[in-house]
């Protein structure tokens, strides 16, 4: 089994605050989901999109899987992605995170242990808080996720703590993203407007591929 050849994009359903599904986000004429997919394909042999709503033409260029554990938010999505993954570790991010930092992805890959050792996950910490996305998850978490949600719990950070995830400290992570933008997501129309305005100010037509 490959070690780190898979990336998983979580593309959840309708966002109440945004008013539509985040998998449909468009930035300066480019669909964010496709941007993330195409960028990750330059690094990963397999890119999986987890979505219960994508259909038709949306699925032609994408490898799409649906939640088996429905109603458990990101945990259900990660579970579905890991089940389809061909690698021991999978890089996980959400479809509303526009500032993909490939240098940080490379750094995280370098921090993963050799095949004779294993960790459950590698994510970033900010004090006592975790950034659960923009991190790597071990395929061995498939069964523990199922056991965890069977108790009715669905907090991703609570689950990661129960699995003793390895944490990258904030100081180290900020060397790659001083403004922490690589963990930012688009939650509201005002977030989307701020991003497109910022790109216009910088003279960028689309998001840059690092």
N, C-alpha and C. Protein backbone atom coordinates (compact mmCIF):
# COMPACT_ATOMS: atom_id res chain seq x y z
N UNK A 1 0.84 -1.20 0.00
CA UNK A 1 0.00 0.00 0.00
C UNK A 1 0.88 1.25 0.00
N UNK A 2 0.52 2.21 -0.84
CA UNK A 2 1.24 3.48 -0.87
C UNK A 2 1.11 4.19 0.47
N UNK A 3 2.05 5.06 0.78
CA UNK A 3 2.02 5.74 2.07
C UNK A 3 1.14 6.99 2.05
N UNK A 4 1.39 7.90 1.09
CA UNK A 4 0.70 9.21 1.14
C UNK A 4 0.17 9.63 -0.22
N UNK A 5 -0.33 8.69 -1.02
CA UNK A 5 -0.73 9.02 -2.38
C UNK A 5 -2.16 9.47 -2.56
N UNK A 6 -2.89 9.67 -1.46
CA UNK A 6 -4.32 10.01 -1.55
C UNK A 6 -4.62 11.34 -0.88
N UNK A 7 -5.50 12.11 -1.51
CA UNK A 7 -6.05 13.32 -0.90
C UNK A 7 -7.57 13.20 -0.89
N UNK A 8 -8.19 13.74 0.15
CA UNK A 8 -9.65 13.68 0.31
C UNK A 8 -10.18 15.10 0.46
N UNK A 9 -11.13 15.46 -0.40
CA UNK A 9 -11.80 16.76 -0.30
C UNK A 9 -13.21 16.52 0.23
N UNK A 10 -13.53 17.12 1.36
CA UNK A 10 -14.88 17.00 1.92
C UNK A 10 -15.75 18.09 1.31
N UNK A 11 -16.76 17.67 0.57
CA UNK A 11 -17.67 18.60 -0.11
C UNK A 11 -19.08 18.36 0.41
N UNK A 12 -19.36 18.93 1.58
CA UNK A 12 -20.65 18.71 2.23
C UNK A 12 -21.80 19.33 1.46
N UNK A 13 -22.97 19.19 2.00
CA UNK A 13 -24.19 19.66 1.34
C UNK A 13 -24.44 21.14 1.53
N UNK A 14 -25.70 21.50 1.55
CA UNK A 14 -26.12 22.89 1.59
C UNK A 14 -25.62 23.60 2.86
N UNK A 15 -25.08 24.80 2.69
CA UNK A 15 -24.63 25.62 3.81
C UNK A 15 -25.70 26.65 4.13
N UNK A 16 -26.18 26.65 5.37
CA UNK A 16 -27.23 27.58 5.77
C UNK A 16 -26.76 29.02 5.64
N UNK A 17 -25.55 29.29 6.12
CA UNK A 17 -25.05 30.67 6.08
C UNK A 17 -24.72 31.12 4.67
N UNK A 18 -24.23 30.21 3.83
CA UNK A 18 -23.89 30.58 2.47
C UNK A 18 -25.13 30.63 1.58
N UNK A 19 -26.10 29.77 1.87
CA UNK A 19 -27.33 29.76 1.08
C UNK A 19 -27.32 28.75 -0.05
N UNK A 20 -26.19 28.06 -0.24
CA UNK A 20 -26.09 27.01 -1.26
C UNK A 20 -24.93 26.09 -0.86
N UNK A 21 -24.82 24.97 -1.55
CA UNK A 21 -23.76 24.03 -1.24
C UNK A 21 -22.38 24.60 -1.53
N UNK A 22 -21.45 24.41 -0.61
CA UNK A 22 -20.12 24.98 -0.80
C UNK A 22 -19.35 24.32 -1.95
N UNK A 23 -19.79 23.15 -2.37
CA UNK A 23 -19.14 22.53 -3.53
C UNK A 23 -19.39 23.33 -4.80
N UNK A 24 -20.34 24.29 -4.74
CA UNK A 24 -20.65 25.13 -5.90
C UNK A 24 -19.96 26.50 -5.84
N UNK A 25 -19.09 26.72 -4.85
CA UNK A 25 -18.41 28.00 -4.73
C UNK A 25 -17.60 28.31 -5.99
N UNK A 26 -17.76 29.53 -6.49
CA UNK A 26 -17.02 29.99 -7.66
C UNK A 26 -16.25 31.25 -7.29
N UNK A 27 -14.97 31.28 -7.61
CA UNK A 27 -14.12 32.43 -7.31
C UNK A 27 -13.52 32.93 -8.61
N UNK A 28 -13.90 34.14 -8.99
CA UNK A 28 -13.41 34.75 -10.24
C UNK A 28 -13.59 33.81 -11.43
N UNK A 29 -14.75 33.20 -11.50
CA UNK A 29 -15.07 32.36 -12.64
C UNK A 29 -14.57 30.94 -12.57
N UNK A 30 -13.84 30.59 -11.53
CA UNK A 30 -13.31 29.23 -11.40
C UNK A 30 -13.96 28.54 -10.21
N UNK A 31 -14.47 27.36 -10.45
CA UNK A 31 -15.11 26.61 -9.38
C UNK A 31 -14.05 26.13 -8.40
N UNK A 32 -14.20 26.49 -7.13
CA UNK A 32 -13.18 26.20 -6.13
C UNK A 32 -12.92 24.71 -6.00
N UNK A 33 -13.96 23.90 -6.04
CA UNK A 33 -13.79 22.46 -5.92
C UNK A 33 -12.86 21.92 -7.01
N UNK A 34 -13.04 22.40 -8.25
CA UNK A 34 -12.20 21.93 -9.36
C UNK A 34 -10.77 22.44 -9.21
N UNK A 35 -10.62 23.67 -8.72
CA UNK A 35 -9.28 24.20 -8.48
C UNK A 35 -8.53 23.33 -7.47
N UNK A 36 -9.19 23.01 -6.37
CA UNK A 36 -8.56 22.17 -5.35
C UNK A 36 -8.23 20.79 -5.91
N UNK A 37 -9.17 20.22 -6.63
CA UNK A 37 -8.98 18.89 -7.21
C UNK A 37 -7.78 18.89 -8.17
N UNK A 38 -7.76 19.84 -9.09
CA UNK A 38 -6.68 19.89 -10.09
C UNK A 38 -5.32 20.14 -9.44
N UNK A 39 -5.29 20.99 -8.42
CA UNK A 39 -4.03 21.28 -7.75
C UNK A 39 -3.52 20.05 -7.00
N UNK A 40 -4.42 19.39 -6.29
CA UNK A 40 -4.02 18.20 -5.55
C UNK A 40 -3.60 17.06 -6.48
N UNK A 41 -4.19 16.99 -7.66
CA UNK A 41 -3.83 15.93 -8.61
C UNK A 41 -2.38 16.05 -9.09
N UNK A 42 -1.81 17.25 -8.96
CA UNK A 42 -0.41 17.41 -9.32
C UNK A 42 0.53 16.77 -8.30
N UNK A 43 0.00 16.49 -7.11
CA UNK A 43 0.81 15.91 -6.04
C UNK A 43 0.37 14.48 -5.69
N UNK A 44 -0.93 14.23 -5.73
CA UNK A 44 -1.46 12.95 -5.27
C UNK A 44 -2.00 12.12 -6.43
N UNK A 45 -1.71 10.82 -6.40
CA UNK A 45 -2.18 9.92 -7.46
C UNK A 45 -3.69 9.74 -7.41
N UNK A 46 -4.26 9.83 -6.23
CA UNK A 46 -5.71 9.65 -6.05
C UNK A 46 -6.27 10.85 -5.29
N UNK A 47 -7.30 11.47 -5.85
CA UNK A 47 -8.00 12.55 -5.16
C UNK A 47 -9.47 12.16 -5.08
N UNK A 48 -9.98 12.03 -3.87
CA UNK A 48 -11.35 11.61 -3.62
C UNK A 48 -12.17 12.81 -3.17
N UNK A 49 -13.35 12.97 -3.74
CA UNK A 49 -14.30 13.99 -3.30
C UNK A 49 -15.43 13.27 -2.57
N UNK A 50 -15.67 13.66 -1.32
CA UNK A 50 -16.76 13.07 -0.55
C UNK A 50 -17.95 14.02 -0.58
N UNK A 51 -19.04 13.57 -1.17
CA UNK A 51 -20.23 14.41 -1.31
C UNK A 51 -21.47 13.53 -1.44
N UNK A 52 -22.55 13.98 -0.81
CA UNK A 52 -23.84 13.30 -0.96
C UNK A 52 -24.74 14.01 -1.96
N UNK A 53 -24.24 15.09 -2.56
CA UNK A 53 -25.09 15.92 -3.42
C UNK A 53 -24.58 16.06 -4.85
N UNK A 54 -23.29 15.85 -5.10
CA UNK A 54 -22.77 15.97 -6.45
C UNK A 54 -23.38 14.90 -7.34
N UNK A 55 -23.74 15.28 -8.55
CA UNK A 55 -24.36 14.32 -9.46
C UNK A 55 -24.13 14.74 -10.91
N UNK A 56 -24.45 13.84 -11.83
CA UNK A 56 -24.41 14.16 -13.25
C UNK A 56 -23.03 14.55 -13.73
N UNK A 57 -22.96 15.68 -14.44
CA UNK A 57 -21.71 16.12 -15.05
C UNK A 57 -20.64 16.42 -14.01
N UNK A 58 -21.05 16.74 -12.77
CA UNK A 58 -20.08 17.04 -11.73
C UNK A 58 -19.17 15.86 -11.45
N UNK A 59 -19.66 14.66 -11.66
CA UNK A 59 -18.91 13.48 -11.26
C UNK A 59 -18.02 12.92 -12.37
N UNK A 60 -18.09 13.48 -13.57
CA UNK A 60 -17.37 12.89 -14.70
C UNK A 60 -15.86 12.97 -14.54
N UNK A 61 -15.35 14.07 -14.02
CA UNK A 61 -13.90 14.21 -13.89
C UNK A 61 -13.42 13.91 -12.48
N UNK A 62 -14.35 13.63 -11.57
CA UNK A 62 -13.99 13.46 -10.17
C UNK A 62 -14.26 12.04 -9.70
N UNK A 63 -13.46 11.60 -8.74
CA UNK A 63 -13.77 10.36 -8.03
C UNK A 63 -14.61 10.74 -6.81
N UNK A 64 -15.90 10.46 -6.86
CA UNK A 64 -16.83 10.90 -5.82
C UNK A 64 -17.35 9.71 -5.04
N UNK A 65 -17.33 9.82 -3.71
CA UNK A 65 -17.93 8.81 -2.85
C UNK A 65 -18.90 9.51 -1.89
N UNK A 66 -19.85 8.76 -1.37
CA UNK A 66 -20.86 9.31 -0.46
C UNK A 66 -20.67 8.76 0.94
N UNK A 67 -21.20 9.51 1.92
CA UNK A 67 -21.12 9.07 3.31
C UNK A 67 -21.86 7.75 3.51
N UNK A 68 -21.24 6.86 4.22
CA UNK A 68 -21.94 5.68 4.72
C UNK A 68 -22.54 6.00 6.09
N UNK A 69 -21.77 6.77 6.88
CA UNK A 69 -22.24 7.21 8.19
C UNK A 69 -22.87 8.59 8.02
N UNK A 70 -24.14 8.62 7.70
CA UNK A 70 -24.83 9.87 7.38
C UNK A 70 -25.22 10.60 8.66
N UNK A 71 -25.03 11.93 8.65
CA UNK A 71 -25.45 12.75 9.78
C UNK A 71 -24.37 12.99 10.81
N UNK A 72 -23.15 12.59 10.52
CA UNK A 72 -22.07 12.77 11.47
C UNK A 72 -21.02 13.78 11.00
N UNK A 73 -21.41 14.64 10.08
CA UNK A 73 -20.56 15.75 9.66
C UNK A 73 -19.24 15.29 9.08
N UNK A 74 -18.17 16.04 9.37
CA UNK A 74 -16.86 15.72 8.81
C UNK A 74 -16.37 14.31 9.14
N UNK A 75 -16.73 13.81 10.31
CA UNK A 75 -16.29 12.45 10.66
C UNK A 75 -16.83 11.42 9.68
N UNK A 76 -18.10 11.59 9.30
CA UNK A 76 -18.68 10.69 8.31
C UNK A 76 -17.99 10.81 6.97
N UNK A 77 -17.64 12.04 6.60
CA UNK A 77 -16.94 12.26 5.33
C UNK A 77 -15.55 11.67 5.32
N UNK A 78 -14.82 11.86 6.41
CA UNK A 78 -13.47 11.29 6.50
C UNK A 78 -13.54 9.77 6.46
N UNK A 79 -14.52 9.21 7.15
CA UNK A 79 -14.71 7.76 7.14
C UNK A 79 -14.92 7.25 5.71
N UNK A 80 -15.80 7.92 4.95
CA UNK A 80 -16.06 7.51 3.57
C UNK A 80 -14.82 7.64 2.71
N UNK A 81 -14.08 8.74 2.88
CA UNK A 81 -12.86 8.94 2.10
C UNK A 81 -11.80 7.91 2.40
N UNK A 82 -11.61 7.61 3.68
CA UNK A 82 -10.59 6.62 4.06
C UNK A 82 -10.94 5.23 3.54
N UNK A 83 -12.23 4.91 3.49
CA UNK A 83 -12.63 3.60 2.97
C UNK A 83 -12.25 3.45 1.49
N UNK A 84 -12.29 4.56 0.76
CA UNK A 84 -11.96 4.52 -0.67
C UNK A 84 -10.48 4.75 -0.94
N UNK A 85 -9.74 5.14 0.08
CA UNK A 85 -8.33 5.51 -0.11
C UNK A 85 -7.46 4.30 -0.43
N UNK A 86 -6.49 4.53 -1.31
CA UNK A 86 -5.55 3.48 -1.68
C UNK A 86 -4.22 3.63 -0.94
N UNK A 87 -4.14 4.63 -0.06
CA UNK A 87 -2.91 4.91 0.67
C UNK A 87 -3.12 4.72 2.16
N UNK A 88 -2.01 4.52 2.86
CA UNK A 88 -2.08 4.41 4.32
C UNK A 88 -2.52 5.74 4.94
N UNK A 89 -1.92 6.84 4.47
CA UNK A 89 -2.28 8.17 4.97
C UNK A 89 -2.94 8.98 3.86
N UNK A 90 -3.97 9.71 4.21
CA UNK A 90 -4.66 10.58 3.25
C UNK A 90 -4.65 12.01 3.76
N UNK A 91 -4.36 12.93 2.85
CA UNK A 91 -4.44 14.35 3.15
C UNK A 91 -5.91 14.77 3.07
N UNK A 92 -6.39 15.49 4.08
CA UNK A 92 -7.81 15.86 4.16
C UNK A 92 -7.97 17.37 4.25
N UNK A 93 -8.85 17.92 3.41
CA UNK A 93 -9.23 19.32 3.54
C UNK A 93 -10.68 19.46 3.11
N UNK A 94 -11.24 20.64 3.37
CA UNK A 94 -12.63 20.91 3.02
C UNK A 94 -12.70 21.71 1.72
N UNK A 95 -13.82 21.61 1.03
CA UNK A 95 -13.95 22.23 -0.29
C UNK A 95 -14.10 23.74 -0.23
N UNK A 96 -14.18 24.31 0.98
CA UNK A 96 -14.32 25.77 1.11
C UNK A 96 -13.04 26.40 1.64
N UNK A 97 -11.91 25.71 1.49
CA UNK A 97 -10.61 26.23 1.94
C UNK A 97 -9.78 26.61 0.72
N UNK A 98 -9.78 27.89 0.35
CA UNK A 98 -9.19 28.30 -0.93
C UNK A 98 -7.67 28.43 -0.96
N UNK A 99 -7.05 28.56 0.22
CA UNK A 99 -5.61 28.87 0.24
C UNK A 99 -4.79 27.61 0.47
N UNK A 100 -4.77 26.76 -0.52
CA UNK A 100 -4.03 25.51 -0.44
C UNK A 100 -2.53 25.80 -0.45
N UNK A 101 -1.84 25.33 0.57
CA UNK A 101 -0.41 25.60 0.71
C UNK A 101 0.37 24.30 0.50
N UNK A 102 0.87 24.11 -0.71
CA UNK A 102 1.53 22.85 -1.03
C UNK A 102 2.87 22.68 -0.32
N UNK A 103 3.50 23.79 0.06
CA UNK A 103 4.73 23.68 0.85
C UNK A 103 4.43 23.05 2.21
N UNK A 104 3.30 23.43 2.78
CA UNK A 104 2.92 22.85 4.08
C UNK A 104 2.53 21.38 3.91
N UNK A 105 1.86 21.07 2.82
CA UNK A 105 1.53 19.66 2.55
C UNK A 105 2.81 18.83 2.49
N UNK A 106 3.83 19.34 1.81
CA UNK A 106 5.11 18.63 1.72
C UNK A 106 5.75 18.48 3.09
N UNK A 107 5.66 19.54 3.89
CA UNK A 107 6.21 19.47 5.25
C UNK A 107 5.51 18.38 6.06
N UNK A 108 4.18 18.36 5.99
CA UNK A 108 3.43 17.34 6.74
C UNK A 108 3.82 15.94 6.28
N UNK A 109 3.95 15.77 4.96
CA UNK A 109 4.36 14.45 4.45
C UNK A 109 5.71 14.04 5.02
N UNK A 110 6.61 15.00 5.16
CA UNK A 110 7.94 14.70 5.69
C UNK A 110 7.91 14.33 7.17
N UNK A 111 6.84 14.72 7.86
CA UNK A 111 6.72 14.44 9.29
C UNK A 111 6.05 13.10 9.57
N UNK A 112 5.48 12.48 8.56
CA UNK A 112 4.85 11.18 8.76
C UNK A 112 5.92 10.12 9.00
N UNK A 113 5.63 9.14 9.85
CA UNK A 113 6.66 8.15 10.21
C UNK A 113 6.93 7.16 9.09
N UNK A 114 8.00 6.43 9.24
CA UNK A 114 8.35 5.38 8.27
C UNK A 114 7.33 4.25 8.37
N UNK A 115 7.25 3.39 7.33
CA UNK A 115 6.23 2.34 7.29
C UNK A 115 6.21 1.41 8.50
N UNK A 116 7.33 1.27 9.21
CA UNK A 116 7.36 0.36 10.35
C UNK A 116 6.76 0.98 11.61
N UNK A 117 6.38 2.25 11.53
CA UNK A 117 5.70 2.92 12.63
C UNK A 117 4.41 3.55 12.11
N UNK A 118 3.45 3.80 13.00
CA UNK A 118 2.19 4.39 12.56
C UNK A 118 1.72 5.43 13.57
N UNK A 119 1.04 6.45 13.05
CA UNK A 119 0.32 7.40 13.90
C UNK A 119 -1.11 7.45 13.37
N UNK A 120 -2.04 7.92 14.21
CA UNK A 120 -3.44 7.97 13.79
C UNK A 120 -3.71 9.13 12.84
N UNK A 121 -3.13 10.28 13.16
CA UNK A 121 -3.36 11.48 12.35
C UNK A 121 -2.28 12.50 12.65
N UNK A 122 -2.09 13.42 11.72
CA UNK A 122 -1.14 14.52 11.89
C UNK A 122 -1.87 15.80 11.52
N UNK A 123 -2.18 16.61 12.54
CA UNK A 123 -2.91 17.86 12.33
C UNK A 123 -2.20 18.98 13.09
N UNK A 124 -2.73 20.18 12.97
CA UNK A 124 -2.09 21.35 13.56
C UNK A 124 -2.85 21.82 14.79
N UNK A 125 -2.11 22.31 15.78
CA UNK A 125 -2.72 22.81 17.02
C UNK A 125 -2.48 24.30 17.16
N UNK A 126 -3.50 24.98 17.69
CA UNK A 126 -3.38 26.40 18.06
C UNK A 126 -3.73 26.47 19.53
N UNK A 127 -2.73 26.45 20.38
CA UNK A 127 -3.00 26.36 21.80
C UNK A 127 -3.67 25.03 22.11
N UNK A 128 -4.85 25.09 22.74
CA UNK A 128 -5.60 23.88 23.07
C UNK A 128 -6.56 23.48 21.95
N UNK A 129 -6.61 24.26 20.89
CA UNK A 129 -7.55 24.01 19.80
C UNK A 129 -6.84 23.33 18.63
N UNK A 130 -7.55 22.45 17.96
CA UNK A 130 -6.99 21.77 16.79
C UNK A 130 -7.55 22.36 15.50
N UNK A 131 -6.73 22.30 14.46
CA UNK A 131 -7.18 22.57 13.10
C UNK A 131 -7.27 21.19 12.42
N UNK A 132 -8.46 20.60 12.39
CA UNK A 132 -8.56 19.21 11.93
C UNK A 132 -8.36 19.01 10.43
N UNK A 133 -8.54 20.08 9.64
CA UNK A 133 -8.32 19.97 8.20
C UNK A 133 -6.92 20.46 7.85
N UNK A 134 -6.52 20.22 6.58
CA UNK A 134 -5.15 20.50 6.17
C UNK A 134 -4.22 19.63 7.00
N UNK A 135 -4.57 18.33 7.05
CA UNK A 135 -3.80 17.36 7.82
C UNK A 135 -3.91 15.98 7.21
N UNK A 136 -3.18 15.03 7.79
CA UNK A 136 -3.17 13.65 7.28
C UNK A 136 -3.84 12.70 8.27
N UNK A 137 -4.58 11.75 7.72
CA UNK A 137 -5.32 10.76 8.51
C UNK A 137 -4.95 9.35 8.06
N UNK A 138 -4.81 8.46 9.03
CA UNK A 138 -4.44 7.08 8.75
C UNK A 138 -5.69 6.26 8.41
N UNK A 139 -5.55 5.39 7.43
CA UNK A 139 -6.67 4.53 7.04
C UNK A 139 -7.11 3.62 8.19
N UNK A 140 -6.25 3.42 9.16
CA UNK A 140 -6.58 2.59 10.33
C UNK A 140 -7.69 3.20 11.18
N UNK A 141 -8.07 4.45 10.90
CA UNK A 141 -9.12 5.11 11.68
C UNK A 141 -10.53 4.72 11.24
N UNK A 142 -10.66 3.93 10.19
CA UNK A 142 -11.99 3.57 9.68
C UNK A 142 -12.86 2.95 10.78
N UNK A 143 -12.36 1.91 11.42
CA UNK A 143 -13.15 1.25 12.47
C UNK A 143 -13.31 2.10 13.72
N UNK A 144 -12.27 2.78 14.21
CA UNK A 144 -12.46 3.66 15.37
C UNK A 144 -13.50 4.75 15.14
N UNK A 145 -13.59 5.29 13.93
CA UNK A 145 -14.62 6.29 13.65
C UNK A 145 -16.00 5.66 13.80
N UNK A 146 -16.16 4.47 13.25
CA UNK A 146 -17.45 3.78 13.33
C UNK A 146 -17.85 3.54 14.80
N UNK A 147 -16.90 3.11 15.60
CA UNK A 147 -17.16 2.86 17.02
C UNK A 147 -17.51 4.16 17.74
N UNK A 148 -16.79 5.23 17.42
CA UNK A 148 -17.00 6.53 18.07
C UNK A 148 -18.40 7.07 17.79
N UNK A 149 -18.82 7.06 16.53
CA UNK A 149 -20.13 7.64 16.18
C UNK A 149 -21.27 6.74 16.64
N UNK A 150 -20.99 5.46 16.88
CA UNK A 150 -22.03 4.55 17.37
C UNK A 150 -22.52 4.97 18.75
N UNK A 151 -21.72 5.76 19.46
CA UNK A 151 -22.12 6.28 20.77
C UNK A 151 -22.90 7.58 20.66
N UNK A 152 -23.10 8.05 19.42
CA UNK A 152 -23.84 9.29 19.20
C UNK A 152 -22.98 10.52 19.14
N UNK A 153 -21.68 10.35 19.31
CA UNK A 153 -20.78 11.50 19.27
C UNK A 153 -20.36 11.79 17.83
N UNK A 154 -20.12 13.07 17.53
CA UNK A 154 -19.69 13.41 16.17
C UNK A 154 -18.67 14.54 16.12
N UNK A 155 -18.07 14.89 17.25
CA UNK A 155 -17.05 15.94 17.27
C UNK A 155 -15.73 15.40 16.73
N UNK A 156 -15.27 16.00 15.65
CA UNK A 156 -14.01 15.56 15.04
C UNK A 156 -12.84 15.80 15.97
N UNK A 157 -12.79 16.94 16.63
CA UNK A 157 -11.67 17.22 17.52
C UNK A 157 -11.68 16.29 18.74
N UNK A 158 -12.86 15.99 19.25
CA UNK A 158 -12.95 15.03 20.37
C UNK A 158 -12.43 13.66 19.93
N UNK A 159 -12.79 13.28 18.72
CA UNK A 159 -12.32 12.00 18.20
C UNK A 159 -10.80 12.00 18.07
N UNK A 160 -10.24 13.07 17.51
CA UNK A 160 -8.78 13.14 17.34
C UNK A 160 -8.06 13.05 18.67
N UNK A 161 -8.61 13.70 19.70
CA UNK A 161 -7.99 13.60 21.02
C UNK A 161 -8.04 12.17 21.54
N UNK A 162 -9.13 11.49 21.28
CA UNK A 162 -9.26 10.10 21.75
C UNK A 162 -8.27 9.17 21.05
N UNK A 163 -7.80 9.59 19.88
CA UNK A 163 -6.87 8.76 19.10
C UNK A 163 -5.42 9.22 19.23
N UNK A 164 -5.18 10.20 20.11
CA UNK A 164 -3.82 10.71 20.33
C UNK A 164 -3.15 11.15 19.04
N UNK A 165 -3.85 11.98 18.29
CA UNK A 165 -3.29 12.52 17.05
C UNK A 165 -2.01 13.30 17.34
N UNK A 166 -1.07 13.22 16.43
CA UNK A 166 0.17 13.97 16.54
C UNK A 166 -0.09 15.40 16.08
N UNK A 167 0.43 16.37 16.83
CA UNK A 167 0.13 17.78 16.57
C UNK A 167 1.36 18.55 16.12
N UNK A 168 1.18 19.38 15.11
CA UNK A 168 2.19 20.36 14.71
C UNK A 168 1.87 21.64 15.45
N UNK A 169 2.85 22.25 16.10
CA UNK A 169 2.58 23.44 16.89
C UNK A 169 2.38 24.67 16.01
N UNK A 170 1.71 25.67 16.58
CA UNK A 170 1.36 26.87 15.82
C UNK A 170 2.59 27.60 15.29
N UNK A 171 3.62 27.70 16.10
CA UNK A 171 4.82 28.42 15.67
C UNK A 171 5.41 27.81 14.40
N UNK A 172 5.45 26.49 14.36
CA UNK A 172 5.97 25.81 13.18
C UNK A 172 5.08 26.05 11.97
N UNK A 173 3.77 25.94 12.17
CA UNK A 173 2.83 26.11 11.06
C UNK A 173 2.86 27.52 10.50
N UNK A 174 3.06 28.51 11.35
CA UNK A 174 3.06 29.91 10.88
C UNK A 174 4.28 30.23 10.02
N UNK A 175 5.28 29.41 10.03
CA UNK A 175 6.40 29.61 9.11
C UNK A 175 5.94 29.45 7.67
N UNK A 176 4.88 28.70 7.48
CA UNK A 176 4.34 28.46 6.14
C UNK A 176 3.18 29.38 5.81
N UNK A 177 2.51 29.91 6.82
CA UNK A 177 1.34 30.76 6.60
C UNK A 177 1.22 31.73 7.77
N UNK A 178 1.94 32.85 7.68
CA UNK A 178 1.99 33.80 8.78
C UNK A 178 0.61 34.32 9.14
N UNK A 179 -0.22 34.54 8.12
CA UNK A 179 -1.57 35.07 8.38
C UNK A 179 -2.60 33.97 8.64
N UNK A 180 -2.15 32.71 8.66
CA UNK A 180 -3.02 31.56 8.96
C UNK A 180 -4.07 31.33 7.87
N UNK A 181 -3.87 31.90 6.70
CA UNK A 181 -4.87 31.78 5.63
C UNK A 181 -5.02 30.35 5.14
N UNK A 182 -4.00 29.52 5.31
CA UNK A 182 -4.11 28.15 4.80
C UNK A 182 -5.13 27.33 5.58
N UNK A 183 -5.61 27.86 6.70
CA UNK A 183 -6.67 27.20 7.45
C UNK A 183 -8.01 27.92 7.33
N UNK A 184 -8.04 29.01 6.59
CA UNK A 184 -9.27 29.80 6.47
C UNK A 184 -10.26 29.10 5.55
N UNK A 185 -11.54 29.27 5.86
CA UNK A 185 -12.57 28.75 4.97
C UNK A 185 -13.61 29.83 4.68
N UNK A 186 -14.44 29.55 3.70
CA UNK A 186 -15.45 30.51 3.26
C UNK A 186 -16.80 30.06 3.83
N UNK A 187 -17.30 30.81 4.80
CA UNK A 187 -18.54 30.42 5.47
C UNK A 187 -19.75 31.24 5.05
N UNK A 188 -19.52 32.47 4.62
CA UNK A 188 -20.63 33.39 4.34
C UNK A 188 -20.40 34.12 3.02
N UNK A 189 -21.45 34.73 2.46
CA UNK A 189 -21.26 35.56 1.27
C UNK A 189 -20.25 36.68 1.48
N UNK A 190 -20.18 37.21 2.69
CA UNK A 190 -19.21 38.28 2.95
C UNK A 190 -17.78 37.75 2.91
N UNK A 191 -17.57 36.51 3.34
CA UNK A 191 -16.25 35.88 3.22
C UNK A 191 -15.86 35.75 1.75
N UNK A 192 -16.81 35.34 0.94
CA UNK A 192 -16.56 35.17 -0.49
C UNK A 192 -16.25 36.51 -1.15
N UNK A 193 -17.01 37.54 -0.78
CA UNK A 193 -16.77 38.87 -1.33
C UNK A 193 -15.40 39.39 -0.92
N UNK A 194 -15.02 39.17 0.33
CA UNK A 194 -13.71 39.63 0.81
C UNK A 194 -12.58 38.97 0.03
N UNK A 195 -12.73 37.68 -0.26
CA UNK A 195 -11.69 36.97 -1.00
C UNK A 195 -11.59 37.47 -2.43
N UNK A 196 -12.72 37.60 -3.12
CA UNK A 196 -12.68 38.06 -4.51
C UNK A 196 -12.17 39.50 -4.59
N UNK A 197 -12.51 40.32 -3.60
CA UNK A 197 -12.01 41.70 -3.57
C UNK A 197 -10.50 41.71 -3.37
N UNK A 198 -10.02 40.85 -2.48
CA UNK A 198 -8.58 40.76 -2.23
C UNK A 198 -7.83 40.33 -3.48
N UNK A 199 -8.37 39.35 -4.19
CA UNK A 199 -7.73 38.90 -5.43
C UNK A 199 -7.69 40.00 -6.47
N UNK A 200 -8.80 40.75 -6.56
CA UNK A 200 -8.86 41.85 -7.52
C UNK A 200 -7.83 42.93 -7.18
N UNK A 201 -7.67 43.21 -5.88
CA UNK A 201 -6.71 44.21 -5.44
C UNK A 201 -5.29 43.81 -5.80
N UNK A 202 -5.02 42.49 -5.71
CA UNK A 202 -3.69 41.98 -6.04
C UNK A 202 -3.50 41.79 -7.54
N UNK A 203 -4.56 42.01 -8.30
CA UNK A 203 -4.48 41.82 -9.75
C UNK A 203 -4.51 40.38 -10.17
N UNK A 204 -5.06 39.50 -9.31
CA UNK A 204 -5.13 38.07 -9.62
C UNK A 204 -6.49 37.75 -10.22
N UNK A 205 -6.50 37.03 -11.31
CA UNK A 205 -7.76 36.62 -11.92
C UNK A 205 -8.31 35.37 -11.24
N UNK A 206 -7.41 34.51 -10.78
CA UNK A 206 -7.82 33.29 -10.11
C UNK A 206 -6.89 33.05 -8.94
N UNK A 207 -7.19 32.02 -8.16
CA UNK A 207 -6.31 31.62 -7.08
C UNK A 207 -5.01 31.09 -7.66
N UNK A 208 -3.91 31.36 -6.97
CA UNK A 208 -2.62 30.88 -7.43
C UNK A 208 -2.45 29.42 -7.06
N UNK A 209 -1.83 28.65 -7.92
CA UNK A 209 -1.44 27.28 -7.61
C UNK A 209 0.00 27.31 -7.15
N UNK A 210 0.22 26.99 -5.86
CA UNK A 210 1.58 27.01 -5.30
C UNK A 210 2.41 25.88 -5.86
